[in-house]
């Protein structure tokens, strides 16, 4: 998980740098989010500094998840049953001090998929920008350090963006689950970001620990 510390700085620090940079006590924590793009706009407009989301009211890490959340390893996951656009789903996760689901291992992917809503698409934190279409094939996760997106269970494999639904109008990745609990009936596919689907939020303990340590120092 990478955080962007900004007031006039464009540097990126990971949580282990907290004790090394007292300057960050005066900076605002921003979650790395695809260079701050607004997926509620057709052209992925920039989100202004004043509009950027940040976490608040983060609880101390207890080793357990809040009621209604599912735990795997050091993360908690919320299954959002209300269908929303990609941008709405992202905002909803932020309100829960979480991000859209980012896959960091095959074990995590397999475990969390068991909790996806059946029969329908579910948004995950994966996007392929239109302006990257000529330079790279793979999409971009919401946070860094995740698995190679090409290793997901795309409908058409080996992975190619166009054969898996990508177009200038379909940039956001969603996972489809069928009523049958069969891997062959589940797949990942690009969809228009404005479509309304289920979504999965992930609250990672590394993020919470980092924010809590900063809060304790400032208190």
C-alpha atoms as a PDB file:
ATOM      1  CA  UNK A   1       0.000   0.000   0.000  1.00  0.00           C
ATOM      2  CA  UNK A   2       1.520   3.330  -1.048  1.00  0.00           C
ATOM      3  CA  UNK A   3       0.532   6.748   0.247  1.00  0.00           C
ATOM      4  CA  UNK A   4       0.999  10.132  -1.385  1.00  0.00           C
ATOM      5  CA  UNK A   5       2.016  12.921   0.964  1.00  0.00           C
ATOM      6  CA  UNK A   6       1.188  16.233  -0.557  1.00  0.00           C
ATOM      7  CA  UNK A   7       1.088  19.863   0.168  1.00  0.00           C
ATOM      8  CA  UNK A   8       3.715  20.797  -2.366  1.00  0.00           C
ATOM      9  CA  UNK A   9       5.452  17.434  -2.449  1.00  0.00           C
ATOM     10  CA  UNK A  10       5.062  14.691  -5.039  1.00  0.00           C
ATOM     11  CA  UNK A  11       7.065  12.116  -3.108  1.00  0.00           C
ATOM     12  CA  UNK A  12       5.726   8.689  -2.227  1.00  0.00           C
ATOM     13  CA  UNK A  13       6.596   6.950   1.023  1.00  0.00           C
ATOM     14  CA  UNK A  14       5.640   3.539   2.330  1.00  0.00           C
ATOM     15  CA  UNK A  15       4.563   2.993   5.966  1.00  0.00           C
ATOM     16  CA  UNK A  16       8.006   1.913   7.187  1.00  0.00           C
ATOM     17  CA  UNK A  17       9.307   5.432   6.490  1.00  0.00           C
ATOM     18  CA  UNK A  18       7.072   6.992   9.141  1.00  0.00           C
ATOM     19  CA  UNK A  19       9.770   7.453  11.790  1.00  0.00           C
ATOM     20  CA  UNK A  20      12.277   8.753   9.259  1.00  0.00           C
ATOM     21  CA  UNK A  21      10.292  11.713   7.980  1.00  0.00           C
ATOM     22  CA  UNK A  22       8.962  14.074  10.673  1.00  0.00           C
ATOM     23  CA  UNK A  23       8.005  16.428   7.867  1.00  0.00           C
ATOM     24  CA  UNK A  24       5.027  14.239   7.070  1.00  0.00           C
ATOM     25  CA  UNK A  25       3.362  15.334  10.314  1.00  0.00           C
ATOM     26  CA  UNK A  26       2.538  18.581   8.528  1.00  0.00           C
ATOM     27  CA  UNK A  27       1.327  16.974   5.330  1.00  0.00           C
ATOM     28  CA  UNK A  28      -2.002  15.557   4.272  1.00  0.00           C
ATOM     29  CA  UNK A  29      -2.242  11.820   3.655  1.00  0.00           C
ATOM     30  CA  UNK A  30      -3.680  10.966   0.260  1.00  0.00           C
ATOM     31  CA  UNK A  31      -4.443   7.467  -0.900  1.00  0.00           C
ATOM     32  CA  UNK A  32      -2.752   6.559  -4.171  1.00  0.00           C
ATOM     33  CA  UNK A  33      -5.665   6.394  -6.564  1.00  0.00           C
ATOM     34  CA  UNK A  34      -4.741   6.106 -10.220  1.00  0.00           C
ATOM     35  CA  UNK A  35      -3.258   9.642 -10.225  1.00  0.00           C
ATOM     36  CA  UNK A  36      -6.514  10.991  -8.784  1.00  0.00           C
ATOM     37  CA  UNK A  37      -8.856  10.373 -11.685  1.00  0.00           C
ATOM     38  CA  UNK A  38     -12.627  10.810 -11.457  1.00  0.00           C
ATOM     39  CA  UNK A  39     -14.298   7.707 -12.861  1.00  0.00           C
ATOM     40  CA  UNK A  40     -17.626   9.476 -12.740  1.00  0.00           C
ATOM     41  CA  UNK A  41     -16.562  11.454 -15.810  1.00  0.00           C
ATOM     42  CA  UNK A  42     -16.289  10.046 -19.319  1.00  0.00           C
ATOM     43  CA  UNK A  43     -12.797  11.478 -19.819  1.00  0.00           C
ATOM     44  CA  UNK A  44     -11.467  10.486 -16.369  1.00  0.00           C
ATOM     45  CA  UNK A  45     -10.989  14.105 -15.347  1.00  0.00           C
ATOM     46  CA  UNK A  46      -8.510  14.997 -12.628  1.00  0.00           C
ATOM     47  CA  UNK A  47      -9.863  15.226  -9.081  1.00  0.00           C
ATOM     48  CA  UNK A  48      -8.874  18.609  -7.681  1.00  0.00           C
ATOM     49  CA  UNK A  49      -6.883  18.854  -4.469  1.00  0.00           C
ATOM     50  CA  UNK A  50      -9.934  20.186  -2.625  1.00  0.00           C
ATOM     51  CA  UNK A  51     -12.086  17.245  -3.755  1.00  0.00           C
ATOM     52  CA  UNK A  52      -9.717  14.398  -2.963  1.00  0.00           C
ATOM     53  CA  UNK A  53     -10.884  11.780  -0.519  1.00  0.00           C
ATOM     54  CA  UNK A  54      -9.018  10.936   2.651  1.00  0.00           C
ATOM     55  CA  UNK A  55      -9.654   8.597   5.530  1.00  0.00           C
ATOM     56  CA  UNK A  56     -11.120   9.763   8.833  1.00  0.00           C
ATOM     57  CA  UNK A  57     -12.288   8.290  12.135  1.00  0.00           C
ATOM     58  CA  UNK A  58     -10.085   5.242  11.737  1.00  0.00           C
ATOM     59  CA  UNK A  59     -10.302   2.840  14.699  1.00  0.00           C
ATOM     60  CA  UNK A  60      -7.380   1.165  16.419  1.00  0.00           C
ATOM     61  CA  UNK A  61      -6.402  -2.189  14.947  1.00  0.00           C
ATOM     62  CA  UNK A  62      -7.880  -4.969  17.078  1.00  0.00           C
ATOM     63  CA  UNK A  63      -7.108  -8.051  14.999  1.00  0.00           C
ATOM     64  CA  UNK A  64     -10.788  -8.492  14.227  1.00  0.00           C
ATOM     65  CA  UNK A  65     -13.108  -7.087  11.590  1.00  0.00           C
ATOM     66  CA  UNK A  66     -16.218  -4.967  12.199  1.00  0.00           C
ATOM     67  CA  UNK A  67     -19.562  -6.736  12.157  1.00  0.00           C
ATOM     68  CA  UNK A  68     -20.572  -7.718   8.665  1.00  0.00           C
ATOM     69  CA  UNK A  69     -17.022  -7.709   7.304  1.00  0.00           C
ATOM     70  CA  UNK A  70     -15.075 -10.785   6.173  1.00  0.00           C
ATOM     71  CA  UNK A  71     -11.450 -11.325   7.198  1.00  0.00           C
ATOM     72  CA  UNK A  72      -8.561 -12.821   5.246  1.00  0.00           C
ATOM     73  CA  UNK A  73      -4.953 -12.454   6.418  1.00  0.00           C
ATOM     74  CA  UNK A  74      -4.482  -8.806   7.488  1.00  0.00           C
ATOM     75  CA  UNK A  75      -7.430  -7.343   5.556  1.00  0.00           C
ATOM     76  CA  UNK A  76     -11.168  -6.996   6.108  1.00  0.00           C
ATOM     77  CA  UNK A  77     -13.643  -7.056   3.232  1.00  0.00           C
ATOM     78  CA  UNK A  78     -17.090  -5.545   2.887  1.00  0.00           C
ATOM     79  CA  UNK A  79     -19.508  -6.983   0.315  1.00  0.00           C
ATOM     80  CA  UNK A  80     -21.608  -4.085  -0.976  1.00  0.00           C
ATOM     81  CA  UNK A  81     -24.996  -5.445  -2.037  1.00  0.00           C
ATOM     82  CA  UNK A  82     -26.248  -2.097  -3.333  1.00  0.00           C
ATOM     83  CA  UNK A  83     -25.429  -1.755  -7.021  1.00  0.00           C
ATOM     84  CA  UNK A  84     -23.448   1.369  -7.933  1.00  0.00           C
ATOM     85  CA  UNK A  85     -21.293   2.817 -10.673  1.00  0.00           C
ATOM     86  CA  UNK A  86     -17.542   2.349 -10.327  1.00  0.00           C
ATOM     87  CA  UNK A  87     -17.069   5.926  -9.064  1.00  0.00           C
ATOM     88  CA  UNK A  88     -19.906   5.530  -6.562  1.00  0.00           C
ATOM     89  CA  UNK A  89     -18.480   2.224  -5.355  1.00  0.00           C
ATOM     90  CA  UNK A  90     -15.048   3.781  -4.894  1.00  0.00           C
ATOM     91  CA  UNK A  91     -16.533   6.629  -2.847  1.00  0.00           C
ATOM     92  CA  UNK A  92     -18.577   4.202  -0.770  1.00  0.00           C
ATOM     93  CA  UNK A  93     -15.422   2.270   0.099  1.00  0.00           C
ATOM     94  CA  UNK A  94     -13.631   5.479   1.102  1.00  0.00           C
ATOM     95  CA  UNK A  95     -16.505   6.283   3.446  1.00  0.00           C
ATOM     96  CA  UNK A  96     -15.787   2.940   5.114  1.00  0.00           C
ATOM     97  CA  UNK A  97     -12.056   3.753   5.426  1.00  0.00           C
ATOM     98  CA  UNK A  98     -11.330   1.207   2.716  1.00  0.00           C
ATOM     99  CA  UNK A  99     -10.461   0.859  -0.960  1.00  0.00           C
ATOM    100  CA  UNK A 100     -11.976  -1.215  -3.696  1.00  0.00           C
ATOM    101  CA  UNK A 101     -10.637  -4.787  -3.523  1.00  0.00           C
ATOM    102  CA  UNK A 102      -7.029  -5.100  -4.690  1.00  0.00           C
ATOM    103  CA  UNK A 103      -5.639  -8.619  -5.177  1.00  0.00           C
ATOM    104  CA  UNK A 104      -2.234  -9.167  -3.569  1.00  0.00           C
ATOM    105  CA  UNK A 105      -2.030 -12.955  -3.889  1.00  0.00           C
ATOM    106  CA  UNK A 106      -3.750 -15.872  -5.579  1.00  0.00           C
ATOM    107  CA  UNK A 107      -4.818 -17.218  -2.175  1.00  0.00           C
ATOM    108  CA  UNK A 108      -6.491 -13.909  -1.351  1.00  0.00           C
ATOM    109  CA  UNK A 109      -8.229 -13.834  -4.736  1.00  0.00           C
ATOM    110  CA  UNK A 110      -9.577 -17.357  -4.316  1.00  0.00           C
ATOM    111  CA  UNK A 111     -10.724 -16.779  -0.729  1.00  0.00           C
ATOM    112  CA  UNK A 112     -12.446 -13.432  -1.237  1.00  0.00           C
ATOM    113  CA  UNK A 113     -14.184 -14.506  -4.447  1.00  0.00           C
ATOM    114  CA  UNK A 114     -16.150 -17.030  -2.404  1.00  0.00           C
ATOM    115  CA  UNK A 115     -17.968 -14.085  -0.820  1.00  0.00           C
ATOM    116  CA  UNK A 116     -18.812 -12.247  -4.049  1.00  0.00           C
ATOM    117  CA  UNK A 117     -22.562 -11.890  -4.685  1.00  0.00           C
ATOM    118  CA  UNK A 118     -23.882 -14.703  -6.842  1.00  0.00           C
ATOM    119  CA  UNK A 119     -25.315 -14.080 -10.300  1.00  0.00           C
ATOM    120  CA  UNK A 120     -23.895 -10.762 -11.401  1.00  0.00           C
ATOM    121  CA  UNK A 121     -20.875  -8.522 -11.779  1.00  0.00           C
ATOM    122  CA  UNK A 122     -18.820  -7.100  -8.903  1.00  0.00           C
ATOM    123  CA  UNK A 123     -16.466  -4.134  -9.222  1.00  0.00           C
ATOM    124  CA  UNK A 124     -12.847  -4.610  -8.131  1.00  0.00           C
ATOM    125  CA  UNK A 125     -10.113  -1.957  -7.897  1.00  0.00           C
ATOM    126  CA  UNK A 126      -8.765  -2.451 -11.412  1.00  0.00           C
ATOM    127  CA  UNK A 127      -8.853  -0.049 -14.386  1.00  0.00           C
ATOM    128  CA  UNK A 128      -7.213   0.303 -17.787  1.00  0.00           C
ATOM    129  CA  UNK A 129      -6.903   3.943 -18.820  1.00  0.00           C
ATOM    130  CA  UNK A 130      -7.779   4.960 -22.360  1.00  0.00           C
ATOM    131  CA  UNK A 131      -4.607   7.022 -22.704  1.00  0.00           C
ATOM    132  CA  UNK A 132      -2.473   3.919 -22.041  1.00  0.00           C
ATOM    133  CA  UNK A 133      -3.958   1.825 -24.813  1.00  0.00           C
ATOM    134  CA  UNK A 134      -0.923   2.119 -27.079  1.00  0.00           C
ATOM    135  CA  UNK A 135       1.753   1.722 -24.425  1.00  0.00           C
ATOM    136  CA  UNK A 136       0.626  -1.145 -22.204  1.00  0.00           C
ATOM    137  CA  UNK A 137      -1.859  -3.981 -22.191  1.00  0.00           C
ATOM    138  CA  UNK A 138      -2.331  -4.620 -18.487  1.00  0.00           C
ATOM    139  CA  UNK A 139      -4.708  -2.534 -16.351  1.00  0.00           C
ATOM    140  CA  UNK A 140      -3.766  -0.679 -13.166  1.00  0.00           C
ATOM    141  CA  UNK A 141      -4.709  -1.583  -9.596  1.00  0.00           C
ATOM    142  CA  UNK A 142      -5.935   1.074  -7.181  1.00  0.00           C
ATOM    143  CA  UNK A 143      -2.916   0.493  -4.919  1.00  0.00           C
ATOM    144  CA  UNK A 144       0.579  -0.669  -5.794  1.00  0.00           C
ATOM    145  CA  UNK A 145       2.178  -4.020  -5.002  1.00  0.00           C
ATOM    146  CA  UNK A 146      -0.676  -6.191  -6.293  1.00  0.00           C
ATOM    147  CA  UNK A 147      -0.553  -9.298  -8.474  1.00  0.00           C
ATOM    148  CA  UNK A 148      -0.088  -9.126 -12.218  1.00  0.00           C
ATOM    149  CA  UNK A 149      -3.640  -8.470 -13.501  1.00  0.00           C
ATOM    150  CA  UNK A 150      -3.052 -10.815 -16.438  1.00  0.00           C
ATOM    151  CA  UNK A 151      -3.085 -13.735 -13.966  1.00  0.00           C
ATOM    152  CA  UNK A 152      -6.735 -13.190 -13.023  1.00  0.00           C
ATOM    153  CA  UNK A 153      -9.436 -15.438 -14.430  1.00  0.00           C
ATOM    154  CA  UNK A 154     -10.251 -13.345 -17.504  1.00  0.00           C
ATOM    155  CA  UNK A 155     -12.986 -14.638 -19.777  1.00  0.00           C
ATOM    156  CA  UNK A 156     -10.553 -15.019 -22.683  1.00  0.00           C
ATOM    157  CA  UNK A 157      -7.070 -16.326 -21.913  1.00  0.00           C
ATOM    158  CA  UNK A 158      -4.268 -15.642 -22.428  1.00  0.00           C
ATOM    159  CA  UNK A 159      -5.235 -12.121 -21.434  1.00  0.00           C
ATOM    160  CA  UNK A 160      -5.686  -9.475 -24.113  1.00  0.00           C
ATOM    161  CA  UNK A 161      -7.615  -6.284 -23.290  1.00  0.00           C
ATOM    162  CA  UNK A 162      -9.817  -6.016 -26.383  1.00  0.00           C
ATOM    163  CA  UNK A 163     -10.841  -9.677 -26.337  1.00  0.00           C
ATOM    164  CA  UNK A 164     -11.922  -9.173 -22.714  1.00  0.00           C
ATOM    165  CA  UNK A 165     -14.262  -6.287 -23.395  1.00  0.00           C
ATOM    166  CA  UNK A 166     -11.930  -3.321 -23.196  1.00  0.00           C
ATOM    167  CA  UNK A 167     -12.781  -0.331 -25.379  1.00  0.00           C
ATOM    168  CA  UNK A 168     -12.729   3.442 -25.148  1.00  0.00           C
ATOM    169  CA  UNK A 169     -16.040   3.140 -23.277  1.00  0.00           C
ATOM    170  CA  UNK A 170     -15.274   0.041 -21.176  1.00  0.00           C
ATOM    171  CA  UNK A 171     -12.338   0.687 -18.865  1.00  0.00           C
ATOM    172  CA  UNK A 172     -13.253  -0.733 -15.453  1.00  0.00           C
ATOM    173  CA  UNK A 173     -12.798  -4.387 -14.508  1.00  0.00           C
ATOM    174  CA  UNK A 174     -15.594  -6.391 -12.902  1.00  0.00           C
ATOM    175  CA  UNK A 175     -15.817 -10.017 -11.855  1.00  0.00           C
ATOM    176  CA  UNK A 176     -18.794 -12.120 -12.912  1.00  0.00           C
ATOM    177  CA  UNK A 177     -20.168 -14.859 -10.671  1.00  0.00           C
ATOM    178  CA  UNK A 178     -22.841 -17.357 -11.682  1.00  0.00           C
ATOM    179  CA  UNK A 179     -25.304 -19.232  -9.507  1.00  0.00           C
ATOM    180  CA  UNK A 180     -23.256 -22.397  -9.921  1.00  0.00           C
ATOM    181  CA  UNK A 181     -20.174 -22.495  -7.715  1.00  0.00           C
ATOM    182  CA  UNK A 182     -17.928 -23.391 -10.610  1.00  0.00           C
ATOM    183  CA  UNK A 183     -14.719 -21.599 -11.520  1.00  0.00           C
ATOM    184  CA  UNK A 184     -15.512 -22.143 -15.189  1.00  0.00           C
ATOM    185  CA  UNK A 185     -18.647 -20.013 -14.825  1.00  0.00           C
ATOM    186  CA  UNK A 186     -16.805 -17.082 -13.201  1.00  0.00           C
ATOM    187  CA  UNK A 187     -14.583 -14.603 -15.006  1.00  0.00           C
ATOM    188  CA  UNK A 188     -13.170 -11.052 -15.075  1.00  0.00           C
ATOM    189  CA  UNK A 189     -14.220  -8.684 -17.856  1.00  0.00           C
ATOM    190  CA  UNK A 190     -14.111  -4.965 -18.691  1.00  0.00           C
ATOM    191  CA  UNK A 191     -17.337  -2.998 -18.359  1.00  0.00           C
ATOM    192  CA  UNK A 192     -18.363   0.659 -18.791  1.00  0.00           C
ATOM    193  CA  UNK A 193     -17.528   2.410 -15.518  1.00  0.00           C
ATOM    194  CA  UNK A 194     -21.016   3.933 -15.418  1.00  0.00           C
ATOM    195  CA  UNK A 195     -22.731   0.527 -15.155  1.00  0.00           C
ATOM    196  CA  UNK A 196     -24.153  -0.287 -11.734  1.00  0.00           C
ATOM    197  CA  UNK A 197     -22.789  -3.449 -10.113  1.00  0.00           C
ATOM    198  CA  UNK A 198     -22.016  -4.911  -6.719  1.00  0.00           C
ATOM    199  CA  UNK A 199     -18.611  -4.064  -5.233  1.00  0.00           C
ATOM    200  CA  UNK A 200     -16.050  -5.279  -2.688  1.00  0.00           C
ATOM    201  CA  UNK A 201     -14.283  -2.924  -0.272  1.00  0.00           C
ATOM    202  CA  UNK A 202     -10.986  -3.847   1.370  1.00  0.00           C
ATOM    203  CA  UNK A 203      -9.734  -2.372   4.627  1.00  0.00           C
ATOM    204  CA  UNK A 204      -6.082  -3.271   5.076  1.00  0.00           C
ATOM    205  CA  UNK A 205      -4.489  -3.332   8.514  1.00  0.00           C
ATOM    206  CA  UNK A 206      -1.273  -1.813   7.146  1.00  0.00           C
ATOM    207  CA  UNK A 207      -3.191   1.322   6.216  1.00  0.00           C
ATOM    208  CA  UNK A 208      -4.929   1.475   9.583  1.00  0.00           C
ATOM    209  CA  UNK A 209      -1.686   0.932  11.484  1.00  0.00           C
ATOM    210  CA  UNK A 210       0.029   3.688   9.531  1.00  0.00           C
ATOM    211  CA  UNK A 211      -2.788   6.161  10.126  1.00  0.00           C
ATOM    212  CA  UNK A 212      -3.082   5.265  13.795  1.00  0.00           C
ATOM    213  CA  UNK A 213       0.654   5.702  14.397  1.00  0.00           C
ATOM    214  CA  UNK A 214       0.541   9.116  12.761  1.00  0.00           C
ATOM    215  CA  UNK A 215      -2.506  10.036  14.856  1.00  0.00           C
ATOM    216  CA  UNK A 216      -0.772   8.940  18.074  1.00  0.00           C
ATOM    217  CA  UNK A 217       2.309  11.032  17.278  1.00  0.00           C
ATOM    218  CA  UNK A 218       0.229  14.120  16.553  1.00  0.00           C
ATOM    219  CA  UNK A 219      -2.001  13.739  19.624  1.00  0.00           C
END
